């Protein structure tokens, strides 16, 4: 069985996506799509953030993860202020086109603003 069609990576950091692939991305009523970020080697889920068309374009062009901050109403490139940068190795989209998956090489302490490697460190049922 072959891998599903998705975004590819080109050596040198720039990612490739065809126009038809980009047209399959389904944004919500606010023009956003959730992007799950996973560490490429460990497969650990690091975080989830929102992308709009511009954040997706910036990510594809630079090979760095760009997102839209709903609270600050601005774009942010992961790690620009913290130094905990993400280098996108591969991008995929799900069967419905309404969720993106970024496989990244995480540098620095981790993805979470708390300093933890992953934002998903809290377990239900723990006191």
Protein backbone atom coordinates (compact mmCIF):
# COMPACT_ATOMS: atom_id res chain seq x y z
CA UNK A 1 0.00 0.00 0.00
CA UNK A 2 1.41 3.38 -0.92
CA UNK A 3 1.49 6.47 1.28
CA UNK A 4 -1.43 8.88 0.90
CA UNK A 5 -0.90 11.98 -1.19
CA UNK A 6 0.25 14.92 0.90
CA UNK A 7 2.84 17.61 0.95
CA UNK A 8 6.40 16.70 0.12
CA UNK A 9 9.70 18.12 1.23
CA UNK A 10 12.49 19.37 -0.97
CA UNK A 11 16.09 19.35 0.28
CA UNK A 12 17.05 22.82 1.44
CA UNK A 13 13.98 23.49 3.52
CA UNK A 14 11.34 24.54 1.01
CA UNK A 15 8.28 22.27 0.93
CA UNK A 16 6.29 21.48 -2.17
CA UNK A 17 2.52 21.35 -2.59
CA UNK A 18 0.52 21.27 -5.79
CA UNK A 19 -2.33 23.66 -6.46
CA UNK A 20 -4.80 20.77 -6.30
CA UNK A 21 -3.44 19.70 -2.89
CA UNK A 22 -3.75 23.24 -1.56
CA UNK A 23 -7.30 23.41 -2.89
CA UNK A 24 -8.20 20.33 -0.83
CA UNK A 25 -7.42 22.09 2.47
CA UNK A 26 -10.71 22.97 4.14
CA UNK A 27 -10.64 25.99 6.43
CA UNK A 28 -13.26 26.65 9.11
CA UNK A 29 -15.56 29.70 9.20
CA UNK A 30 -12.70 31.81 10.62
CA UNK A 31 -10.43 30.79 7.73
CA UNK A 32 -8.33 28.50 9.96
CA UNK A 33 -7.29 24.87 9.90
CA UNK A 34 -5.83 22.97 12.89
CA UNK A 35 -2.22 21.89 12.51
CA UNK A 36 -0.92 19.05 14.65
CA UNK A 37 2.85 19.09 15.15
CA UNK A 38 4.67 15.81 15.66
CA UNK A 39 8.39 15.15 16.20
CA UNK A 40 9.63 13.34 13.11
CA UNK A 41 11.91 10.78 14.79
CA UNK A 42 10.07 9.97 18.04
CA UNK A 43 6.54 10.50 16.61
CA UNK A 44 5.62 12.32 19.85
CA UNK A 45 2.76 14.79 19.39
CA UNK A 46 4.21 18.15 20.41
CA UNK A 47 1.46 20.70 19.96
CA UNK A 48 -1.55 21.92 18.01
CA UNK A 49 -1.90 25.39 16.57
CA UNK A 50 -3.93 27.15 13.90
CA UNK A 51 -2.93 28.00 10.34
CA UNK A 52 -4.60 30.15 7.74
CA UNK A 53 -3.64 30.32 4.06
CA UNK A 54 -0.82 32.78 4.74
CA UNK A 55 0.67 30.72 7.59
CA UNK A 56 0.54 27.65 5.35
CA UNK A 57 2.23 29.59 2.54
CA UNK A 58 4.99 30.82 4.87
CA UNK A 59 5.55 27.30 6.21
CA UNK A 60 5.83 25.87 2.70
CA UNK A 61 8.21 28.61 1.58
CA UNK A 62 10.53 28.60 4.59
CA UNK A 63 10.43 25.05 5.94
CA UNK A 64 9.74 26.52 9.40
CA UNK A 65 6.43 26.20 11.24
CA UNK A 66 4.28 29.35 11.00
CA UNK A 67 0.94 29.76 12.73
CA UNK A 68 -1.85 32.28 13.29
CA UNK A 69 -2.35 33.41 16.88
CA UNK A 70 -6.06 33.87 17.55
CA UNK A 71 -5.40 35.71 20.82
CA UNK A 72 -2.73 38.09 19.49
CA UNK A 73 -4.17 38.31 15.95
CA UNK A 74 -0.72 37.91 14.39
CA UNK A 75 1.52 35.38 12.69
CA UNK A 76 4.23 33.65 14.65
CA UNK A 77 7.10 31.44 13.62
CA UNK A 78 7.69 28.79 16.28
CA UNK A 79 10.90 29.50 18.15
CA UNK A 80 11.61 33.05 17.03
CA UNK A 81 11.34 34.38 20.58
CA UNK A 82 12.12 31.20 22.58
CA UNK A 83 14.80 29.65 20.38
CA UNK A 84 12.82 26.38 20.40
CA UNK A 85 12.59 26.16 16.63
CA UNK A 86 10.79 23.65 14.45
CA UNK A 87 12.11 22.61 11.05
CA UNK A 88 9.37 20.98 8.99
CA UNK A 89 10.49 17.74 7.40
CA UNK A 90 7.15 16.72 5.94
CA UNK A 91 3.56 17.94 5.81
CA UNK A 92 0.40 15.91 5.36
CA UNK A 93 -3.33 16.57 5.33
CA UNK A 94 -6.07 14.23 6.47
CA UNK A 95 -8.72 12.46 4.39
CA UNK A 96 -11.22 15.30 4.87
CA UNK A 97 -8.65 18.02 4.23
CA UNK A 98 -9.59 19.73 7.49
CA UNK A 99 -6.51 18.96 9.59
CA UNK A 100 -2.81 19.34 8.82
CA UNK A 101 0.06 17.29 10.22
CA UNK A 102 3.55 18.77 10.42
CA UNK A 103 6.42 16.36 11.04
CA UNK A 104 9.22 18.49 12.46
CA UNK A 105 12.71 18.38 13.81
CA UNK A 106 12.29 20.12 17.15
CA UNK A 107 15.26 22.09 18.45
CA UNK A 108 15.71 23.65 21.88
CA UNK A 109 13.86 22.70 25.07
CA UNK A 110 10.68 21.66 23.31
CA UNK A 111 7.44 22.82 21.77
CA UNK A 112 5.47 23.93 24.84
CA UNK A 113 5.62 27.51 26.12
CA UNK A 114 5.97 25.99 29.62
CA UNK A 115 9.39 24.63 28.67
CA UNK A 116 8.20 21.05 28.39
CA UNK A 117 8.95 18.99 25.27
CA UNK A 118 5.23 18.57 24.45
CA UNK A 119 2.10 20.59 25.21
CA UNK A 120 0.36 17.28 25.99
CA UNK A 121 1.96 16.61 29.37
CA UNK A 122 -1.22 16.62 31.50
CA UNK A 123 -3.02 13.33 32.08
CA UNK A 124 -6.67 13.06 33.03
CA UNK A 125 -7.08 11.31 36.37
CA UNK A 126 -3.89 12.69 37.92
CA UNK A 127 -4.35 14.67 41.11
